[in-house]
């Protein structure tokens, strides 16, 4: 159920392009914009979260956590490298 409204301003040419694409797909402009936002923003975040969860519980991440401070440093270094890679 849609409950939130988003207002954006586009120039005339941008809007015509979006309107044309929506018509070709047989859907409304609003539906097209929601689908694009979902595809470009929401789903990638879910995929990233799932990969992080899977990695956290994978065999490669099995660690001896007797020294949490050391392990925290390792995790932080890994996270920073991944962030810098993207």
C-alpha atoms as a PDB file:
ATOM      1  CA  UNK A   1       0.000   0.000   0.000  1.00  0.00           C
ATOM      2  CA  UNK A   2       1.437   3.333  -1.038  1.00  0.00           C
ATOM      3  CA  UNK A   3       1.416   5.835   1.818  1.00  0.00           C
ATOM      4  CA  UNK A   4       4.215   8.328   1.142  1.00  0.00           C
ATOM      5  CA  UNK A   5       4.305  11.062  -1.458  1.00  0.00           C
ATOM      6  CA  UNK A   6       7.470  12.263  -3.176  1.00  0.00           C
ATOM      7  CA  UNK A   7       7.566  15.458  -5.189  1.00  0.00           C
ATOM      8  CA  UNK A   8      10.344  16.044  -7.702  1.00  0.00           C
ATOM      9  CA  UNK A   9      10.828  18.719 -10.304  1.00  0.00           C
ATOM     10  CA  UNK A  10      11.979  17.840 -13.824  1.00  0.00           C
ATOM     11  CA  UNK A  11      12.545  19.933 -16.877  1.00  0.00           C
ATOM     12  CA  UNK A  12      10.107  19.512 -19.763  1.00  0.00           C
ATOM     13  CA  UNK A  13      12.430  17.286 -21.835  1.00  0.00           C
ATOM     14  CA  UNK A  14      13.142  14.926 -18.929  1.00  0.00           C
ATOM     15  CA  UNK A  15       9.468  14.579 -18.174  1.00  0.00           C
ATOM     16  CA  UNK A  16       8.606  13.892 -21.829  1.00  0.00           C
ATOM     17  CA  UNK A  17      11.228  11.128 -21.945  1.00  0.00           C
ATOM     18  CA  UNK A  18       9.874   9.523 -18.785  1.00  0.00           C
ATOM     19  CA  UNK A  19       6.322   9.873 -20.041  1.00  0.00           C
ATOM     20  CA  UNK A  20       7.283   8.283 -23.375  1.00  0.00           C
ATOM     21  CA  UNK A  21       8.990   5.356 -21.629  1.00  0.00           C
ATOM     22  CA  UNK A  22       6.017   4.814 -19.339  1.00  0.00           C
ATOM     23  CA  UNK A  23       3.649   4.792 -22.318  1.00  0.00           C
ATOM     24  CA  UNK A  24       5.833   2.258 -24.150  1.00  0.00           C
ATOM     25  CA  UNK A  25       5.755   0.026 -21.079  1.00  0.00           C
ATOM     26  CA  UNK A  26       2.025   0.503 -20.647  1.00  0.00           C
ATOM     27  CA  UNK A  27       2.301   1.928 -17.159  1.00  0.00           C
ATOM     28  CA  UNK A  28       1.952   5.231 -15.354  1.00  0.00           C
ATOM     29  CA  UNK A  29       4.793   7.680 -14.857  1.00  0.00           C
ATOM     30  CA  UNK A  30       4.535   7.124 -11.098  1.00  0.00           C
ATOM     31  CA  UNK A  31       4.819   3.345 -11.508  1.00  0.00           C
ATOM     32  CA  UNK A  32       7.854   3.739 -13.783  1.00  0.00           C
ATOM     33  CA  UNK A  33       9.602   6.053 -11.317  1.00  0.00           C
ATOM     34  CA  UNK A  34       8.869   3.686  -8.391  1.00  0.00           C
ATOM     35  CA  UNK A  35      10.196   0.714 -10.376  1.00  0.00           C
ATOM     36  CA  UNK A  36      13.389   2.552 -11.324  1.00  0.00           C
ATOM     37  CA  UNK A  37      13.981   3.685  -7.735  1.00  0.00           C
ATOM     38  CA  UNK A  38      13.428   0.153  -6.488  1.00  0.00           C
ATOM     39  CA  UNK A  39      15.776  -1.303  -9.091  1.00  0.00           C
ATOM     40  CA  UNK A  40      18.554   1.261  -8.635  1.00  0.00           C
ATOM     41  CA  UNK A  41      18.437   1.878  -4.884  1.00  0.00           C
ATOM     42  CA  UNK A  42      16.396  -0.512  -2.797  1.00  0.00           C
ATOM     43  CA  UNK A  43      17.339  -3.860  -4.325  1.00  0.00           C
ATOM     44  CA  UNK A  44      21.102  -3.169  -4.461  1.00  0.00           C
ATOM     45  CA  UNK A  45      21.056  -2.317  -0.749  1.00  0.00           C
ATOM     46  CA  UNK A  46      19.220  -5.542   0.050  1.00  0.00           C
ATOM     47  CA  UNK A  47      21.706  -7.520  -2.056  1.00  0.00           C
ATOM     48  CA  UNK A  48      24.638  -5.851  -0.291  1.00  0.00           C
ATOM     49  CA  UNK A  49      23.123  -6.600   3.113  1.00  0.00           C
ATOM     50  CA  UNK A  50      22.508 -10.235   2.166  1.00  0.00           C
ATOM     51  CA  UNK A  51      26.080 -10.655   0.886  1.00  0.00           C
ATOM     52  CA  UNK A  52      27.435  -9.147   4.109  1.00  0.00           C
ATOM     53  CA  UNK A  53      25.265 -11.474   6.192  1.00  0.00           C
ATOM     54  CA  UNK A  54      26.327 -14.522   4.178  1.00  0.00           C
ATOM     55  CA  UNK A  55      29.980 -13.538   4.412  1.00  0.00           C
ATOM     56  CA  UNK A  56      29.738 -12.970   8.143  1.00  0.00           C
ATOM     57  CA  UNK A  57      28.566 -16.533   8.662  1.00  0.00           C
ATOM     58  CA  UNK A  58      30.748 -18.183   6.008  1.00  0.00           C
ATOM     59  CA  UNK A  59      33.660 -20.498   6.733  1.00  0.00           C
ATOM     60  CA  UNK A  60      36.147 -17.833   5.647  1.00  0.00           C
ATOM     61  CA  UNK A  61      34.998 -15.685   8.548  1.00  0.00           C
ATOM     62  CA  UNK A  62      35.399 -18.357  11.210  1.00  0.00           C
ATOM     63  CA  UNK A  63      37.629 -16.697  13.755  1.00  0.00           C
ATOM     64  CA  UNK A  64      38.821 -17.175  17.267  1.00  0.00           C
ATOM     65  CA  UNK A  65      37.307 -14.237  19.103  1.00  0.00           C
ATOM     66  CA  UNK A  66      39.369 -14.635  22.242  1.00  0.00           C
ATOM     67  CA  UNK A  67      40.813 -11.215  21.525  1.00  0.00           C
ATOM     68  CA  UNK A  68      37.905  -9.027  20.451  1.00  0.00           C
ATOM     69  CA  UNK A  69      40.045  -5.902  20.149  1.00  0.00           C
ATOM     70  CA  UNK A  70      42.307  -7.543  17.562  1.00  0.00           C
ATOM     71  CA  UNK A  71      39.386  -9.005  15.644  1.00  0.00           C
ATOM     72  CA  UNK A  72      37.638  -5.633  15.613  1.00  0.00           C
ATOM     73  CA  UNK A  73      40.735  -4.078  14.010  1.00  0.00           C
ATOM     74  CA  UNK A  74      40.736  -6.782  11.304  1.00  0.00           C
ATOM     75  CA  UNK A  75      37.037  -6.314  10.581  1.00  0.00           C
ATOM     76  CA  UNK A  76      37.458  -2.541  10.389  1.00  0.00           C
ATOM     77  CA  UNK A  77      40.363  -2.874   7.931  1.00  0.00           C
ATOM     78  CA  UNK A  78      38.310  -5.233   5.743  1.00  0.00           C
ATOM     79  CA  UNK A  79      35.329  -2.864   5.813  1.00  0.00           C
ATOM     80  CA  UNK A  80      37.448   0.153   4.882  1.00  0.00           C
ATOM     81  CA  UNK A  81      39.029  -1.724   1.954  1.00  0.00           C
ATOM     82  CA  UNK A  82      35.591  -2.764   0.668  1.00  0.00           C
ATOM     83  CA  UNK A  83      34.245   0.777   0.960  1.00  0.00           C
ATOM     84  CA  UNK A  84      37.265   2.167  -0.876  1.00  0.00           C
ATOM     85  CA  UNK A  85      36.843  -0.454  -3.625  1.00  0.00           C
ATOM     86  CA  UNK A  86      33.350   0.826  -4.412  1.00  0.00           C
END
